[in-house]
Amino acid sequence: MLIEYNNLNLNISYNPDDIEKGKTPLVFLHGFTGALNDWDSLKAKLADQYAPIAIDILGHGQSSSPDNPEYYTEDSLVEQLHYILTQIGVTKSSFVGYSMGGRLAFCYALAYPESIKSLILESSTAGIEEQLLRAERIFSDEKLADKLTESGTSKFIDYWFSIPLFDTFKNLPAEQLTLLINERKKNNPVGLANSLRGFGTGKMKNHWPELKSIKKPTLLITGELDLKFTEINRQMLKQLPNATHQIISKSGHNTHLEKPQDFFILVGSFLRTFIK
């Protein structure tokens, strides 16, 4: 889809083109370096009962990668997402978001609460509360963005998946891991770098004070081995008025790839309970 945003033509890739009528739309948002096809397996399992819509967030997959980081900010991404959903006739939907995609889904729910039926947030956060830690993260992401533009996508992806956050990916079948990494190497380095500069966790607003305003049913999912995000989500659970937190055993940051069946069971049960 080609959209107009601040006089710039942006191509935002999504699928499917036609939304099946009579089914609750499920909007899928991938993580940093990912793409809409990350959700193919889960979408196929849910398609009988729901209308899955996967979107390439700006700077990823087949979507545009403009040079200006301002098009990647929280407010800009939320408005792009709202424009797309409005154009394809989706007025109310449930969201499934992983990591960066979960942060975007959360921001969208704050901006357009009337458009949300429920939220499923995997390994995500409401931002960084402490100003000093937020500044440190912005500095860190700027260095990562510089590294990306200097070394290119291929070398950066090799580095990215060597960090401790993704240690558990080593448990994936070798063929699957190779395919996953090669797919991510297709991303545009400008798009990935600007995603860090515009919507890295440090650049995201601190939304912890607004957690109590998210009254829609919310499912938080983290991996048992991802200690950092499991603790973050335990703290989020204390403030979200209508949420549950499920921890998937023997899994790290990306539970929907590492433990797809466990993830599907949790998502399916949640949707059957809250989405009529």
C-alpha atoms as a PDB file:
ATOM      1  CA  MET A   1       0.000   0.000   0.000  1.00  0.00           C
ATOM      2  CA  LEU A   2       1.246   3.506  -0.839  1.00  0.00           C
ATOM      3  CA  ILE A   3       0.379   6.056   1.835  1.00  0.00           C
ATOM      4  CA  GLU A   4       0.865   9.804   2.074  1.00  0.00           C
ATOM      5  CA  TYR A   5       2.590  10.948   5.255  1.00  0.00           C
ATOM      6  CA  ASN A   6       3.913  14.500   5.649  1.00  0.00           C
ATOM      7  CA  ASN A   7       4.053  14.855   1.859  1.00  0.00           C
ATOM      8  CA  LEU A   8       6.210  11.737   1.541  1.00  0.00           C
ATOM      9  CA  ASN A   9       4.991   8.690  -0.369  1.00  0.00           C
ATOM     10  CA  LEU A  10       5.606   5.646   1.787  1.00  0.00           C
ATOM     11  CA  ASN A  11       5.031   2.097   0.694  1.00  0.00           C
ATOM     12  CA  ILE A  12       3.807   0.013   3.617  1.00  0.00           C
ATOM     13  CA  SER A  13       3.702  -3.706   2.906  1.00  0.00           C
ATOM     14  CA  TYR A  14       0.979  -5.850   4.475  1.00  0.00           C
ATOM     15  CA  ASN A  15      -0.993  -9.016   3.832  1.00  0.00           C
ATOM     16  CA  PRO A  16      -3.535 -10.197   3.033  1.00  0.00           C
ATOM     17  CA  ASP A  17      -4.941  -7.648   0.585  1.00  0.00           C
ATOM     18  CA  ASP A  18      -8.537  -8.639   1.305  1.00  0.00           C
ATOM     19  CA  ILE A  19      -9.843  -8.832   4.865  1.00  0.00           C
ATOM     20  CA  GLU A  20     -12.351 -11.616   5.322  1.00  0.00           C
ATOM     21  CA  LYS A  21     -15.616 -10.146   6.508  1.00  0.00           C
ATOM     22  CA  GLY A  22     -17.262 -11.355   9.697  1.00  0.00           C
ATOM     23  CA  LYS A  23     -14.027 -12.327  11.407  1.00  0.00           C
ATOM     24  CA  THR A  24     -12.192 -10.360  14.087  1.00  0.00           C
ATOM     25  CA  PRO A  25      -9.063  -8.778  12.582  1.00  0.00           C
ATOM     26  CA  LEU A  26      -5.770  -9.770  14.217  1.00  0.00           C
ATOM     27  CA  VAL A  27      -2.979  -7.312  13.509  1.00  0.00           C
ATOM     28  CA  PHE A  28       0.515  -8.834  13.704  1.00  0.00           C
ATOM     29  CA  LEU A  29       3.546  -6.609  14.311  1.00  0.00           C
ATOM     30  CA  HIS A  30       7.060  -8.071  14.086  1.00  0.00           C
ATOM     31  CA  GLY A  31      10.178  -7.180  16.055  1.00  0.00           C
ATOM     32  CA  PHE A  32      13.308  -5.251  15.095  1.00  0.00           C
ATOM     33  CA  THR A  33      14.997  -6.764  11.988  1.00  0.00           C
ATOM     34  CA  GLY A  34      11.893  -8.931  11.371  1.00  0.00           C
ATOM     35  CA  ALA A  35       9.188  -8.847   8.730  1.00  0.00           C
ATOM     36  CA  LEU A  36       5.549  -9.779   8.269  1.00  0.00           C
ATOM     37  CA  ASN A  37       6.356 -13.345   7.180  1.00  0.00           C
ATOM     38  CA  ASP A  38       7.677 -14.052  10.703  1.00  0.00           C
ATOM     39  CA  TRP A  39       4.041 -14.730  11.583  1.00  0.00           C
ATOM     40  CA  ASP A  40       3.125 -17.030   8.692  1.00  0.00           C
ATOM     41  CA  SER A  41       2.849 -20.219  10.747  1.00  0.00           C
ATOM     42  CA  LEU A  42       0.748 -18.658  13.503  1.00  0.00           C
ATOM     43  CA  LYS A  43      -1.469 -16.826  11.023  1.00  0.00           C
ATOM     44  CA  ALA A  44      -2.231 -20.081   9.218  1.00  0.00           C
ATOM     45  CA  LYS A  45      -3.349 -21.705  12.464  1.00  0.00           C
ATOM     46  CA  LEU A  46      -5.658 -18.825  13.366  1.00  0.00           C
ATOM     47  CA  ALA A  47      -7.069 -18.023   9.935  1.00  0.00           C
ATOM     48  CA  ASP A  48     -10.150 -20.252  10.292  1.00  0.00           C
ATOM     49  CA  GLN A  49     -11.567 -18.143  13.103  1.00  0.00           C
ATOM     50  CA  TYR A  50      -9.905 -14.753  12.696  1.00  0.00           C
ATOM     51  CA  ALA A  51      -8.747 -12.379   9.960  1.00  0.00           C
ATOM     52  CA  PRO A  52      -4.946 -12.069  10.327  1.00  0.00           C
ATOM     53  CA  ILE A  53      -3.236  -8.929   9.004  1.00  0.00           C
ATOM     54  CA  ALA A  54       0.570  -8.805   9.098  1.00  0.00           C
ATOM     55  CA  ILE A  55       2.370  -5.529   8.450  1.00  0.00           C
ATOM     56  CA  ASP A  56       5.974  -4.672   7.610  1.00  0.00           C
ATOM     57  CA  ILE A  57       6.773  -1.819   9.966  1.00  0.00           C
ATOM     58  CA  LEU A  58       8.500   1.103   8.225  1.00  0.00           C
ATOM     59  CA  GLY A  59      12.150   0.304   7.504  1.00  0.00           C
ATOM     60  CA  HIS A  60      11.549  -3.444   7.448  1.00  0.00           C
ATOM     61  CA  GLY A  61      10.671  -6.100   4.878  1.00  0.00           C
ATOM     62  CA  GLN A  62       9.087  -4.686   1.730  1.00  0.00           C
ATOM     63  CA  SER A  63       8.094  -1.357   3.294  1.00  0.00           C
ATOM     64  CA  SER A  64       9.875   1.917   2.524  1.00  0.00           C
ATOM     65  CA  SER A  65      13.127   2.918   4.225  1.00  0.00           C
ATOM     66  CA  PRO A  66      13.202   6.732   4.058  1.00  0.00           C
ATOM     67  CA  ASP A  67      16.362   8.579   5.091  1.00  0.00           C
ATOM     68  CA  ASN A  68      14.685  10.830   7.666  1.00  0.00           C
ATOM     69  CA  PRO A  69      14.476   9.263  11.177  1.00  0.00           C
ATOM     70  CA  GLU A  70      11.461  11.482  11.931  1.00  0.00           C
ATOM     71  CA  TYR A  71       9.279   9.084   9.930  1.00  0.00           C
ATOM     72  CA  TYR A  72      10.197   6.307  12.371  1.00  0.00           C
ATOM     73  CA  THR A  73       9.180   7.998  15.607  1.00  0.00           C
ATOM     74  CA  GLU A  74       6.499   6.576  17.868  1.00  0.00           C
ATOM     75  CA  ASP A  75       3.880   9.135  16.812  1.00  0.00           C
ATOM     76  CA  SER A  76       4.681   8.709  13.130  1.00  0.00           C
ATOM     77  CA  LEU A  77       4.518   4.892  13.218  1.00  0.00           C
ATOM     78  CA  VAL A  78       1.234   4.989  15.135  1.00  0.00           C
ATOM     79  CA  GLU A  79      -0.307   7.321  12.549  1.00  0.00           C
ATOM     80  CA  GLN A  80       0.954   5.183   9.664  1.00  0.00           C
ATOM     81  CA  LEU A  81      -0.585   2.117  11.281  1.00  0.00           C
ATOM     82  CA  HIS A  82      -3.881   3.895  11.866  1.00  0.00           C
ATOM     83  CA  TYR A  83      -3.989   5.113   8.283  1.00  0.00           C
ATOM     84  CA  ILE A  84      -3.424   1.602   6.926  1.00  0.00           C
ATOM     85  CA  LEU A  85      -6.097   0.013   9.095  1.00  0.00           C
ATOM     86  CA  THR A  86      -8.573   2.765   8.257  1.00  0.00           C
ATOM     87  CA  GLN A  87      -7.918   2.390   4.537  1.00  0.00           C
ATOM     88  CA  ILE A  88      -8.583  -1.353   4.571  1.00  0.00           C
ATOM     89  CA  GLY A  89     -11.754  -0.914   6.617  1.00  0.00           C
ATOM     90  CA  VAL A  90     -10.521  -2.187   9.986  1.00  0.00           C
ATOM     91  CA  THR A  91     -12.108  -0.133  12.746  1.00  0.00           C
ATOM     92  CA  LYS A  92     -11.562  -2.493  15.681  1.00  0.00           C
ATOM     93  CA  SER A  93      -8.989  -5.250  16.002  1.00  0.00           C
ATOM     94  CA  SER A  94      -6.852  -7.317  18.325  1.00  0.00           C
ATOM     95  CA  PHE A  95      -3.078  -6.934  18.199  1.00  0.00           C
ATOM     96  CA  VAL A  96      -0.268  -9.460  18.472  1.00  0.00           C
ATOM     97  CA  GLY A  97       3.093  -7.710  18.808  1.00  0.00           C
ATOM     98  CA  TYR A  98       6.584  -9.019  19.467  1.00  0.00           C
ATOM     99  CA  SER A  99       9.276  -6.869  21.120  1.00  0.00           C
ATOM    100  CA  MET A 100       9.403  -3.661  19.016  1.00  0.00           C
ATOM    101  CA  GLY A 101       6.064  -4.634  17.477  1.00  0.00           C
ATOM    102  CA  GLY A 102       4.620  -5.082  20.950  1.00  0.00           C
ATOM    103  CA  ARG A 103       5.805  -1.614  21.899  1.00  0.00           C
ATOM    104  CA  LEU A 104       4.111  -0.212  18.796  1.00  0.00           C
ATOM    105  CA  ALA A 105       0.888  -2.090  19.558  1.00  0.00           C
ATOM    106  CA  PHE A 106       0.954  -0.695  23.101  1.00  0.00           C
ATOM    107  CA  CYS A 107       1.487   2.858  21.814  1.00  0.00           C
ATOM    108  CA  TYR A 108      -1.359   2.386  19.334  1.00  0.00           C
ATOM    109  CA  ALA A 109      -3.684   1.227  22.120  1.00  0.00           C
ATOM    110  CA  LEU A 110      -2.932   4.408  24.057  1.00  0.00           C
ATOM    111  CA  ALA A 111      -3.525   6.635  21.027  1.00  0.00           C
ATOM    112  CA  TYR A 112      -6.634   4.826  19.734  1.00  0.00           C
ATOM    113  CA  PRO A 113      -8.188   2.867  22.626  1.00  0.00           C
ATOM    114  CA  GLU A 114     -11.550   2.674  20.859  1.00  0.00           C
ATOM    115  CA  SER A 115      -9.894   0.717  18.024  1.00  0.00           C
ATOM    116  CA  ILE A 116      -8.613  -2.076  20.286  1.00  0.00           C
ATOM    117  CA  LYS A 117     -10.355  -5.307  21.252  1.00  0.00           C
ATOM    118  CA  SER A 118      -7.401  -6.927  22.993  1.00  0.00           C
ATOM    119  CA  LEU A 119      -3.607  -6.914  23.161  1.00  0.00           C
ATOM    120  CA  ILE A 120      -1.126  -9.782  23.068  1.00  0.00           C
ATOM    121  CA  LEU A 121       2.330  -8.424  23.872  1.00  0.00           C
ATOM    122  CA  GLU A 122       5.318 -10.753  23.589  1.00  0.00           C
ATOM    123  CA  SER A 123       8.608  -9.786  25.255  1.00  0.00           C
ATOM    124  CA  SER A 124       7.674  -6.128  25.257  1.00  0.00           C
ATOM    125  CA  THR A 125       7.795  -3.104  27.549  1.00  0.00           C
ATOM    126  CA  ALA A 126       6.079   0.198  28.319  1.00  0.00           C
ATOM    127  CA  GLY A 127       9.320   2.128  27.831  1.00  0.00           C
ATOM    128  CA  ILE A 128      12.165   3.109  30.152  1.00  0.00           C
ATOM    129  CA  GLU A 129      11.158   4.920  33.324  1.00  0.00           C
ATOM    130  CA  GLU A 130      14.435   6.437  34.515  1.00  0.00           C
ATOM    131  CA  GLN A 131      15.662   9.405  32.499  1.00  0.00           C
ATOM    132  CA  LEU A 132      19.348   8.480  32.859  1.00  0.00           C
ATOM    133  CA  LEU A 133      18.745   4.899  31.683  1.00  0.00           C
ATOM    134  CA  ARG A 134      16.690   6.215  28.781  1.00  0.00           C
ATOM    135  CA  ALA A 135      19.529   8.533  27.749  1.00  0.00           C
ATOM    136  CA  GLU A 136      22.021   5.664  27.987  1.00  0.00           C
ATOM    137  CA  ARG A 137      19.820   3.503  25.785  1.00  0.00           C
ATOM    138  CA  ILE A 138      19.479   6.269  23.180  1.00  0.00           C
ATOM    139  CA  PHE A 139      23.286   6.595  23.103  1.00  0.00           C
ATOM    140  CA  SER A 140      23.662   2.821  22.778  1.00  0.00           C
ATOM    141  CA  ASP A 141      21.134   2.627  19.948  1.00  0.00           C
ATOM    142  CA  GLU A 142      22.849   5.489  18.114  1.00  0.00           C
ATOM    143  CA  LYS A 143      26.108   3.538  18.235  1.00  0.00           C
ATOM    144  CA  LEU A 144      24.281   0.439  16.952  1.00  0.00           C
ATOM    145  CA  ALA A 145      22.735   2.474  14.137  1.00  0.00           C
ATOM    146  CA  ASP A 146      26.176   3.807  13.169  1.00  0.00           C
ATOM    147  CA  LYS A 147      27.549   0.270  13.233  1.00  0.00           C
ATOM    148  CA  LEU A 148      24.735  -0.853  10.974  1.00  0.00           C
ATOM    149  CA  THR A 149      25.218   1.829   8.343  1.00  0.00           C
ATOM    150  CA  GLU A 150      28.998   1.363   8.388  1.00  0.00           C
ATOM    151  CA  SER A 151      29.092  -2.438   8.222  1.00  0.00           C
ATOM    152  CA  GLY A 152      25.904  -3.147   6.262  1.00  0.00           C
ATOM    153  CA  THR A 153      22.955  -5.367   7.065  1.00  0.00           C
ATOM    154  CA  SER A 154      24.641  -8.742   6.643  1.00  0.00           C
ATOM    155  CA  LYS A 155      27.463  -8.157   9.126  1.00  0.00           C
ATOM    156  CA  PHE A 156      25.130  -6.377  11.526  1.00  0.00           C
ATOM    157  CA  ILE A 157      22.655  -9.284  11.583  1.00  0.00           C
ATOM    158  CA  ASP A 158      25.500 -11.711  12.308  1.00  0.00           C
ATOM    159  CA  TYR A 159      26.487  -9.475  15.211  1.00  0.00           C
ATOM    160  CA  TRP A 160      22.890  -8.908  16.380  1.00  0.00           C
ATOM    161  CA  PHE A 161      22.131 -12.598  16.727  1.00  0.00           C
ATOM    162  CA  SER A 162      25.360 -13.169  18.622  1.00  0.00           C
ATOM    163  CA  ILE A 163      24.283 -10.998  21.590  1.00  0.00           C
ATOM    164  CA  PRO A 164      23.139 -12.755  24.802  1.00  0.00           C
ATOM    165  CA  LEU A 165      19.475 -11.828  24.217  1.00  0.00           C
ATOM    166  CA  PHE A 166      19.354 -14.387  21.415  1.00  0.00           C
ATOM    167  CA  ASP A 167      21.503 -17.148  22.938  1.00  0.00           C
ATOM    168  CA  THR A 168      18.496 -19.475  23.002  1.00  0.00           C
ATOM    169  CA  PHE A 169      18.183 -19.221  19.209  1.00  0.00           C
ATOM    170  CA  LYS A 170      21.057 -21.690  19.130  1.00  0.00           C
ATOM    171  CA  ASN A 171      18.514 -24.333  20.150  1.00  0.00           C
ATOM    172  CA  LEU A 172      16.579 -23.876  16.904  1.00  0.00           C
ATOM    173  CA  PRO A 173      17.142 -26.405  14.107  1.00  0.00           C
ATOM    174  CA  ALA A 174      20.163 -25.284  12.075  1.00  0.00           C
ATOM    175  CA  GLU A 175      18.172 -25.009   8.858  1.00  0.00           C
ATOM    176  CA  GLN A 176      15.496 -22.829  10.494  1.00  0.00           C
ATOM    177  CA  LEU A 177      18.089 -20.562  12.113  1.00  0.00           C
ATOM    178  CA  THR A 178      19.967 -20.119   8.839  1.00  0.00           C
ATOM    179  CA  LEU A 179      16.742 -19.228   7.019  1.00  0.00           C
ATOM    180  CA  LEU A 180      15.749 -16.786   9.764  1.00  0.00           C
ATOM    181  CA  ILE A 181      19.102 -14.985   9.652  1.00  0.00           C
ATOM    182  CA  ASN A 182      19.223 -14.887   5.852  1.00  0.00           C
ATOM    183  CA  GLU A 183      15.722 -13.387   5.707  1.00  0.00           C
ATOM    184  CA  ARG A 184      16.760 -10.620   8.088  1.00  0.00           C
ATOM    185  CA  LYS A 185      19.803  -9.836   5.980  1.00  0.00           C
ATOM    186  CA  LYS A 186      17.427  -8.728   3.212  1.00  0.00           C
ATOM    187  CA  ASN A 187      16.440  -5.655   5.228  1.00  0.00           C
ATOM    188  CA  ASN A 188      17.585  -2.199   4.179  1.00  0.00           C
ATOM    189  CA  PRO A 189      20.397  -0.906   6.463  1.00  0.00           C
ATOM    190  CA  VAL A 190      18.996   2.637   6.329  1.00  0.00           C
ATOM    191  CA  GLY A 191      15.592   1.393   7.461  1.00  0.00           C
ATOM    192  CA  LEU A 192      16.995  -0.632  10.355  1.00  0.00           C
ATOM    193  CA  ALA A 193      19.330   2.155  11.468  1.00  0.00           C
ATOM    194  CA  ASN A 194      16.538   4.711  11.438  1.00  0.00           C
ATOM    195  CA  SER A 195      14.265   2.343  13.336  1.00  0.00           C
ATOM    196  CA  LEU A 196      16.820   2.419  16.132  1.00  0.00           C
ATOM    197  CA  ARG A 197      17.173   6.179  15.906  1.00  0.00           C
ATOM    198  CA  GLY A 198      13.440   6.871  15.737  1.00  0.00           C
ATOM    199  CA  PHE A 199      11.800   4.110  17.780  1.00  0.00           C
ATOM    200  CA  GLY A 200      14.484   2.438  19.849  1.00  0.00           C
ATOM    201  CA  THR A 201      13.358   1.699  23.403  1.00  0.00           C
ATOM    202  CA  GLY A 202      15.041   4.866  24.634  1.00  0.00           C
ATOM    203  CA  LYS A 203      13.237   7.019  22.079  1.00  0.00           C
ATOM    204  CA  MET A 204       9.867   5.489  22.981  1.00  0.00           C
ATOM    205  CA  LYS A 205       7.989   7.639  25.489  1.00  0.00           C
ATOM    206  CA  ASN A 206       7.854   6.459  29.078  1.00  0.00           C
ATOM    207  CA  HIS A 207       4.349   4.985  29.198  1.00  0.00           C
ATOM    208  CA  TRP A 208       4.584   3.307  32.595  1.00  0.00           C
ATOM    209  CA  PRO A 209       2.361   5.991  34.198  1.00  0.00           C
ATOM    210  CA  GLU A 210      -0.332   5.184  31.594  1.00  0.00           C
ATOM    211  CA  LEU A 211      -0.496   1.417  32.129  1.00  0.00           C
ATOM    212  CA  LYS A 212      -3.604   1.767  34.292  1.00  0.00           C
ATOM    213  CA  SER A 213      -5.477   3.316  31.353  1.00  0.00           C
ATOM    214  CA  ILE A 214      -5.146   0.130  29.238  1.00  0.00           C
ATOM    215  CA  LYS A 215      -8.402  -1.529  30.217  1.00  0.00           C
ATOM    216  CA  LYS A 216      -8.732  -3.926  27.276  1.00  0.00           C
ATOM    217  CA  PRO A 217      -7.918  -7.607  27.868  1.00  0.00           C
ATOM    218  CA  THR A 218      -4.144  -7.961  27.659  1.00  0.00           C
ATOM    219  CA  LEU A 219      -1.956 -11.057  27.500  1.00  0.00           C
ATOM    220  CA  LEU A 220       1.717 -10.644  28.345  1.00  0.00           C
ATOM    221  CA  ILE A 221       3.996 -13.458  27.157  1.00  0.00           C
ATOM    222  CA  THR A 222       7.670 -13.908  28.000  1.00  0.00           C
ATOM    223  CA  GLY A 223      10.204 -16.712  27.918  1.00  0.00           C
ATOM    224  CA  GLU A 224      11.407 -18.327  31.139  1.00  0.00           C
ATOM    225  CA  LEU A 225      15.036 -17.846  30.104  1.00  0.00           C
ATOM    226  CA  ASP A 226      14.565 -14.175  29.241  1.00  0.00           C
ATOM    227  CA  LEU A 227      14.996 -12.956  32.810  1.00  0.00           C
ATOM    228  CA  LYS A 228      15.038  -9.245  31.967  1.00  0.00           C
ATOM    229  CA  PHE A 229      11.738  -9.117  30.081  1.00  0.00           C
ATOM    230  CA  THR A 230      10.033 -11.597  32.369  1.00  0.00           C
ATOM    231  CA  GLU A 231      10.714  -9.256  35.287  1.00  0.00           C
ATOM    232  CA  ILE A 232       9.638  -6.196  33.253  1.00  0.00           C
ATOM    233  CA  ASN A 233       6.356  -7.906  32.449  1.00  0.00           C
ATOM    234  CA  ARG A 234       5.814  -8.941  36.066  1.00  0.00           C
ATOM    235  CA  GLN A 235       5.992  -5.251  36.930  1.00  0.00           C
ATOM    236  CA  MET A 236       3.671  -4.311  34.063  1.00  0.00           C
ATOM    237  CA  LEU A 237       1.153  -6.907  35.254  1.00  0.00           C
ATOM    238  CA  LYS A 238       0.871  -5.121  38.608  1.00  0.00           C
ATOM    239  CA  GLN A 239      -0.403  -1.971  36.905  1.00  0.00           C
ATOM    240  CA  LEU A 240      -2.463  -3.266  33.976  1.00  0.00           C
ATOM    241  CA  PRO A 241      -6.067  -3.598  35.198  1.00  0.00           C
ATOM    242  CA  ASN A 242      -7.139  -6.448  32.889  1.00  0.00           C
ATOM    243  CA  ALA A 243      -4.020  -8.471  32.132  1.00  0.00           C
ATOM    244  CA  THR A 244      -2.502 -11.906  32.563  1.00  0.00           C
ATOM    245  CA  HIS A 245       1.151 -12.901  32.255  1.00  0.00           C
ATOM    246  CA  GLN A 246       2.171 -16.275  30.866  1.00  0.00           C
ATOM    247  CA  ILE A 247       5.776 -17.511  30.960  1.00  0.00           C
ATOM    248  CA  ILE A 248       6.803 -20.110  28.376  1.00  0.00           C
ATOM    249  CA  SER A 249       9.270 -22.619  29.794  1.00  0.00           C
ATOM    250  CA  LYS A 250      12.669 -23.271  28.218  1.00  0.00           C
ATOM    251  CA  SER A 251      12.287 -20.256  25.934  1.00  0.00           C
ATOM    252  CA  GLY A 252      14.129 -16.985  25.498  1.00  0.00           C
ATOM    253  CA  HIS A 253      13.152 -13.624  24.017  1.00  0.00           C
ATOM    254  CA  ASN A 254      11.357 -14.817  20.871  1.00  0.00           C
ATOM    255  CA  THR A 255       8.866 -17.337  22.198  1.00  0.00           C
ATOM    256  CA  HIS A 256       6.759 -17.558  19.027  1.00  0.00           C
ATOM    257  CA  LEU A 257       9.760 -18.896  17.087  1.00  0.00           C
ATOM    258  CA  GLU A 258      11.401 -20.916  19.845  1.00  0.00           C
ATOM    259  CA  LYS A 259       8.216 -22.528  21.195  1.00  0.00           C
ATOM    260  CA  PRO A 260       5.596 -21.992  18.468  1.00  0.00           C
ATOM    261  CA  GLN A 261       3.104 -24.579  19.726  1.00  0.00           C
ATOM    262  CA  ASP A 262       3.184 -23.263  23.296  1.00  0.00           C
ATOM    263  CA  PHE A 263       2.754 -19.738  21.972  1.00  0.00           C
ATOM    264  CA  PHE A 264      -0.185 -20.774  19.770  1.00  0.00           C
ATOM    265  CA  ILE A 265      -1.935 -22.514  22.670  1.00  0.00           C
ATOM    266  CA  LEU A 266      -1.664 -19.408  24.854  1.00  0.00           C
ATOM    267  CA  VAL A 267      -2.819 -17.058  22.098  1.00  0.00           C
ATOM    268  CA  GLY A 268      -5.680 -19.318  21.028  1.00  0.00           C
ATOM    269  CA  SER A 269      -6.948 -19.754  24.584  1.00  0.00           C
ATOM    270  CA  PHE A 270      -6.783 -16.025  25.250  1.00  0.00           C
ATOM    271  CA  LEU A 271      -8.643 -15.132  22.057  1.00  0.00           C
ATOM    272  CA  ARG A 272     -11.369 -17.723  22.670  1.00  0.00           C
ATOM    273  CA  THR A 273     -11.878 -16.276  26.148  1.00  0.00           C
ATOM    274  CA  PHE A 274     -11.987 -12.593  25.286  1.00  0.00           C
ATOM    275  CA  ILE A 275     -12.862 -12.280  21.601  1.00  0.00           C
ATOM    276  CA  LYS A 276     -16.461 -13.189  20.785  1.00  0.00           C
END
